[in-house]
Amino acid sequence: MMDLSKIKPAKGSTSTNKRLGRGQGSGGGGTATRGHKGAKSRSGYSRKVGFEGGQMPLQRVVPKSGFRNFNRVEYKAINIGVLQQLSESVNLDVIDMQALVTAGFVSGKDKVKILGKGTLTSKLTVKAHAFSKSAKEAIEKLEGTTEIL
């Protein structure tokens, strides 16, 4: 018959905590394994991010520089030469965001700007978020239309 008072955990599965700071005879007395003096030996110490022991921290030594305009609009640039290749390969005369996403040039959330590099030979209707002056002239020269989304 089993006796509940004789149940013990498996050998080696448990260990007793080291009792630090309980006199020299315990082996963990004196400094209680914290070394000698200094902030790290004291109770209540917590390391501050970027603290370098009183030395001037790096983030204060390095000067500030630059400016990031959070109102800036980032466009994905696509040249009219690319539009010409796309219209020839897929046989399109209207190039809009859906056609560019399907072709893999942009993702659905990108804003697109059409630039004037390359040559255009066919009449196209192009719908994009922005156009360069030269691209707009090249498209309208062939009686195509530009539409800003």
C-alpha atoms as a PDB file:
ATOM      1  CA  MET A   1       0.000   0.000   0.000  1.00  0.00           C
ATOM      2  CA  MET A   2       1.246   3.514  -0.863  1.00  0.00           C
ATOM      3  CA  ASP A   3       1.951   5.984   1.925  1.00  0.00           C
ATOM      4  CA  LEU A   4       1.572   9.679   0.956  1.00  0.00           C
ATOM      5  CA  SER A   5       4.099  10.753   3.615  1.00  0.00           C
ATOM      6  CA  LYS A   6       6.875   8.875   1.801  1.00  0.00           C
ATOM      7  CA  ILE A   7       6.413  10.524  -1.656  1.00  0.00           C
ATOM      8  CA  LYS A   8       9.525  12.460  -2.749  1.00  0.00           C
ATOM      9  CA  PRO A   9      10.457  14.257  -5.973  1.00  0.00           C
ATOM     10  CA  ALA A  10      12.811  12.488  -8.370  1.00  0.00           C
ATOM     11  CA  LYS A  11      16.488  12.684  -7.442  1.00  0.00           C
ATOM     12  CA  GLY A  12      18.139  15.841  -8.845  1.00  0.00           C
ATOM     13  CA  SER A  13      14.851  17.426  -9.955  1.00  0.00           C
ATOM     14  CA  THR A  14      14.793  19.999  -7.144  1.00  0.00           C
ATOM     15  CA  SER A  15      17.462  22.147  -5.507  1.00  0.00           C
ATOM     16  CA  THR A  16      17.464  24.525  -2.558  1.00  0.00           C
ATOM     17  CA  ASN A  17      18.033  28.226  -3.136  1.00  0.00           C
ATOM     18  CA  LYS A  18      21.405  29.680  -2.183  1.00  0.00           C
ATOM     19  CA  ARG A  19      20.931  31.824   0.942  1.00  0.00           C
ATOM     20  CA  LEU A  20      23.108  34.827   0.148  1.00  0.00           C
ATOM     21  CA  GLY A  21      24.395  37.325   2.689  1.00  0.00           C
ATOM     22  CA  ARG A  22      23.948  35.060   5.738  1.00  0.00           C
ATOM     23  CA  GLY A  23      27.460  35.243   7.203  1.00  0.00           C
ATOM     24  CA  GLN A  24      30.932  34.048   6.193  1.00  0.00           C
ATOM     25  CA  GLY A  25      30.253  30.453   7.249  1.00  0.00           C
ATOM     26  CA  SER A  26      27.547  30.063   4.575  1.00  0.00           C
ATOM     27  CA  GLY A  27      30.076  30.714   1.788  1.00  0.00           C
ATOM     28  CA  GLY A  28      27.802  33.405   0.324  1.00  0.00           C
ATOM     29  CA  GLY A  29      28.259  36.043   2.989  1.00  0.00           C
ATOM     30  CA  GLY A  30      30.154  39.349   2.838  1.00  0.00           C
ATOM     31  CA  THR A  31      29.537  40.658  -0.663  1.00  0.00           C
ATOM     32  CA  ALA A  32      26.848  38.032  -1.394  1.00  0.00           C
ATOM     33  CA  THR A  33      28.425  37.204  -4.803  1.00  0.00           C
ATOM     34  CA  ARG A  34      27.972  40.812  -6.024  1.00  0.00           C
ATOM     35  CA  GLY A  35      31.649  41.797  -6.056  1.00  0.00           C
ATOM     36  CA  HIS A  36      32.914  44.856  -4.172  1.00  0.00           C
ATOM     37  CA  LYS A  37      31.044  48.193  -3.979  1.00  0.00           C
ATOM     38  CA  GLY A  38      29.664  50.128  -6.956  1.00  0.00           C
ATOM     39  CA  ALA A  39      26.112  50.627  -8.193  1.00  0.00           C
ATOM     40  CA  LYS A  40      25.648  47.001  -9.255  1.00  0.00           C
ATOM     41  CA  SER A  41      26.260  45.739  -5.714  1.00  0.00           C
ATOM     42  CA  ARG A  42      23.483  47.894  -4.228  1.00  0.00           C
ATOM     43  CA  SER A  43      19.848  46.954  -3.846  1.00  0.00           C
ATOM     44  CA  GLY A  44      17.443  48.802  -6.122  1.00  0.00           C
ATOM     45  CA  TYR A  45      19.968  49.004  -8.980  1.00  0.00           C
ATOM     46  CA  SER A  46      18.544  48.889 -12.472  1.00  0.00           C
ATOM     47  CA  ARG A  47      20.618  49.513 -15.589  1.00  0.00           C
ATOM     48  CA  LYS A  48      19.478  52.636 -17.449  1.00  0.00           C
ATOM     49  CA  VAL A  49      19.474  52.337 -21.239  1.00  0.00           C
ATOM     50  CA  GLY A  50      22.524  54.119 -22.668  1.00  0.00           C
ATOM     51  CA  PHE A  51      24.189  54.683 -19.264  1.00  0.00           C
ATOM     52  CA  GLU A  52      27.977  54.382 -19.533  1.00  0.00           C
ATOM     53  CA  GLY A  53      29.067  54.675 -15.909  1.00  0.00           C
ATOM     54  CA  GLY A  54      29.085  58.461 -15.784  1.00  0.00           C
ATOM     55  CA  GLN A  55      31.062  58.823 -19.028  1.00  0.00           C
ATOM     56  CA  MET A  56      29.322  61.066 -21.566  1.00  0.00           C
ATOM     57  CA  PRO A  57      27.043  58.613 -23.407  1.00  0.00           C
ATOM     58  CA  LEU A  58      27.492  58.044 -27.127  1.00  0.00           C
ATOM     59  CA  GLN A  59      24.058  59.403 -28.064  1.00  0.00           C
ATOM     60  CA  ARG A  60      25.050  62.756 -26.496  1.00  0.00           C
ATOM     61  CA  VAL A  61      28.547  62.818 -28.018  1.00  0.00           C
ATOM     62  CA  VAL A  62      27.403  62.275 -31.628  1.00  0.00           C
ATOM     63  CA  PRO A  63      25.874  65.478 -33.061  1.00  0.00           C
ATOM     64  CA  LYS A  64      22.330  65.644 -34.363  1.00  0.00           C
ATOM     65  CA  SER A  65      22.029  65.867 -38.124  1.00  0.00           C
ATOM     66  CA  GLY A  66      19.428  65.841 -40.854  1.00  0.00           C
ATOM     67  CA  PHE A  67      15.718  66.351 -41.157  1.00  0.00           C
ATOM     68  CA  ARG A  68      12.983  63.981 -42.208  1.00  0.00           C
ATOM     69  CA  ASN A  69       9.909  65.585 -43.725  1.00  0.00           C
ATOM     70  CA  PHE A  70       6.954  63.481 -42.608  1.00  0.00           C
ATOM     71  CA  ASN A  71       4.711  65.196 -45.192  1.00  0.00           C
ATOM     72  CA  ARG A  72       6.845  63.916 -48.094  1.00  0.00           C
ATOM     73  CA  VAL A  73       5.017  61.788 -50.665  1.00  0.00           C
ATOM     74  CA  GLU A  74       7.085  58.875 -52.012  1.00  0.00           C
ATOM     75  CA  TYR A  75       6.351  57.897 -55.621  1.00  0.00           C
ATOM     76  CA  LYS A  76       7.312  54.741 -57.512  1.00  0.00           C
ATOM     77  CA  ALA A  77       8.900  55.985 -60.763  1.00  0.00           C
ATOM     78  CA  ILE A  78       7.919  54.343 -64.049  1.00  0.00           C
ATOM     79  CA  ASN A  79       9.275  55.521 -67.402  1.00  0.00           C
ATOM     80  CA  ILE A  80       7.199  55.829 -70.576  1.00  0.00           C
ATOM     81  CA  GLY A  81       9.515  53.281 -72.250  1.00  0.00           C
ATOM     82  CA  VAL A  82       8.267  50.711 -69.718  1.00  0.00           C
ATOM     83  CA  LEU A  83       4.657  51.714 -70.471  1.00  0.00           C
ATOM     84  CA  GLN A  84       5.326  51.162 -74.184  1.00  0.00           C
ATOM     85  CA  GLN A  85       6.690  47.648 -73.527  1.00  0.00           C
ATOM     86  CA  LEU A  86       3.719  46.879 -71.267  1.00  0.00           C
ATOM     87  CA  SER A  87       1.156  48.043 -73.844  1.00  0.00           C
ATOM     88  CA  GLU A  88       2.842  45.941 -76.567  1.00  0.00           C
ATOM     89  CA  SER A  89       3.144  42.767 -74.480  1.00  0.00           C
ATOM     90  CA  VAL A  90      -0.380  42.806 -72.999  1.00  0.00           C
ATOM     91  CA  ASN A  91      -1.998  44.756 -75.881  1.00  0.00           C
ATOM     92  CA  LEU A  92      -3.449  47.580 -73.750  1.00  0.00           C
ATOM     93  CA  ASP A  93      -4.369  51.142 -74.659  1.00  0.00           C
ATOM     94  CA  VAL A  94      -5.436  52.131 -71.106  1.00  0.00           C
ATOM     95  CA  ILE A  95      -2.711  51.837 -68.487  1.00  0.00           C
ATOM     96  CA  ASP A  96      -3.938  52.339 -64.946  1.00  0.00           C
ATOM     97  CA  MET A  97      -2.923  51.154 -61.461  1.00  0.00           C
ATOM     98  CA  GLN A  98      -4.611  47.767 -61.969  1.00  0.00           C
ATOM     99  CA  ALA A  99      -2.534  47.083 -65.112  1.00  0.00           C
ATOM    100  CA  LEU A 100       0.706  48.087 -63.361  1.00  0.00           C
ATOM    101  CA  VAL A 101      -0.095  45.921 -60.304  1.00  0.00           C
ATOM    102  CA  THR A 102      -0.975  42.943 -62.517  1.00  0.00           C
ATOM    103  CA  ALA A 103       2.294  43.368 -64.456  1.00  0.00           C
ATOM    104  CA  GLY A 104       4.189  43.439 -61.142  1.00  0.00           C
ATOM    105  CA  PHE A 105       5.708  46.917 -61.458  1.00  0.00           C
ATOM    106  CA  VAL A 106       4.060  48.276 -58.296  1.00  0.00           C
ATOM    107  CA  SER A 107       2.069  47.090 -55.299  1.00  0.00           C
ATOM    108  CA  GLY A 108      -1.484  48.249 -54.698  1.00  0.00           C
ATOM    109  CA  LYS A 109      -0.555  50.805 -52.040  1.00  0.00           C
ATOM    110  CA  ASP A 110       2.220  52.546 -54.047  1.00  0.00           C
ATOM    111  CA  LYS A 111       1.774  55.978 -55.584  1.00  0.00           C
ATOM    112  CA  VAL A 112       3.039  56.096 -59.183  1.00  0.00           C
ATOM    113  CA  LYS A 113       4.801  58.884 -61.053  1.00  0.00           C
ATOM    114  CA  ILE A 114       5.302  58.566 -64.808  1.00  0.00           C
ATOM    115  CA  LEU A 115       8.671  59.836 -66.047  1.00  0.00           C
ATOM    116  CA  GLY A 116       9.762  60.737 -69.579  1.00  0.00           C
ATOM    117  CA  LYS A 117      12.676  58.358 -70.273  1.00  0.00           C
ATOM    118  CA  GLY A 118      12.295  56.135 -73.326  1.00  0.00           C
ATOM    119  CA  THR A 119      10.161  56.449 -76.424  1.00  0.00           C
ATOM    120  CA  LEU A 120       6.443  56.099 -76.857  1.00  0.00           C
ATOM    121  CA  THR A 121       5.051  54.978 -80.237  1.00  0.00           C
ATOM    122  CA  SER A 122       1.395  54.186 -79.532  1.00  0.00           C
ATOM    123  CA  LYS A 123      -1.534  56.271 -78.339  1.00  0.00           C
ATOM    124  CA  LEU A 124      -2.165  55.538 -74.659  1.00  0.00           C
ATOM    125  CA  THR A 125      -4.512  56.614 -71.894  1.00  0.00           C
ATOM    126  CA  VAL A 126      -2.396  56.674 -68.719  1.00  0.00           C
ATOM    127  CA  LYS A 127      -3.832  57.010 -65.204  1.00  0.00           C
ATOM    128  CA  ALA A 128      -1.292  57.707 -62.424  1.00  0.00           C
ATOM    129  CA  HIS A 129      -0.783  59.838 -59.310  1.00  0.00           C
ATOM    130  CA  ALA A 130       1.748  62.209 -60.935  1.00  0.00           C
ATOM    131  CA  PHE A 131       3.435  62.931 -64.277  1.00  0.00           C
ATOM    132  CA  SER A 132       6.689  64.648 -65.164  1.00  0.00           C
ATOM    133  CA  LYS A 133       6.487  67.466 -67.692  1.00  0.00           C
ATOM    134  CA  SER A 134       8.350  65.492 -70.370  1.00  0.00           C
ATOM    135  CA  ALA A 135       6.204  62.374 -69.874  1.00  0.00           C
ATOM    136  CA  LYS A 136       2.982  64.368 -70.137  1.00  0.00           C
ATOM    137  CA  GLU A 137       4.219  66.037 -73.346  1.00  0.00           C
ATOM    138  CA  ALA A 138       5.298  62.699 -74.875  1.00  0.00           C
ATOM    139  CA  ILE A 139       1.923  61.057 -74.147  1.00  0.00           C
ATOM    140  CA  GLU A 140      -0.118  64.034 -75.403  1.00  0.00           C
ATOM    141  CA  LYS A 141       2.096  64.394 -78.522  1.00  0.00           C
ATOM    142  CA  LEU A 142       0.645  61.074 -79.761  1.00  0.00           C
ATOM    143  CA  GLU A 143      -2.903  62.262 -78.857  1.00  0.00           C
ATOM    144  CA  GLY A 144      -2.969  60.108 -75.736  1.00  0.00           C
ATOM    145  CA  THR A 145      -4.459  61.315 -72.453  1.00  0.00           C
ATOM    146  CA  THR A 146      -3.089  61.644 -68.935  1.00  0.00           C
ATOM    147  CA  GLU A 147      -5.343  61.344 -65.892  1.00  0.00           C
ATOM    148  CA  ILE A 148      -4.234  62.134 -62.348  1.00  0.00           C
ATOM    149  CA  LEU A 149      -5.672  59.769 -59.722  1.00  0.00           C
END
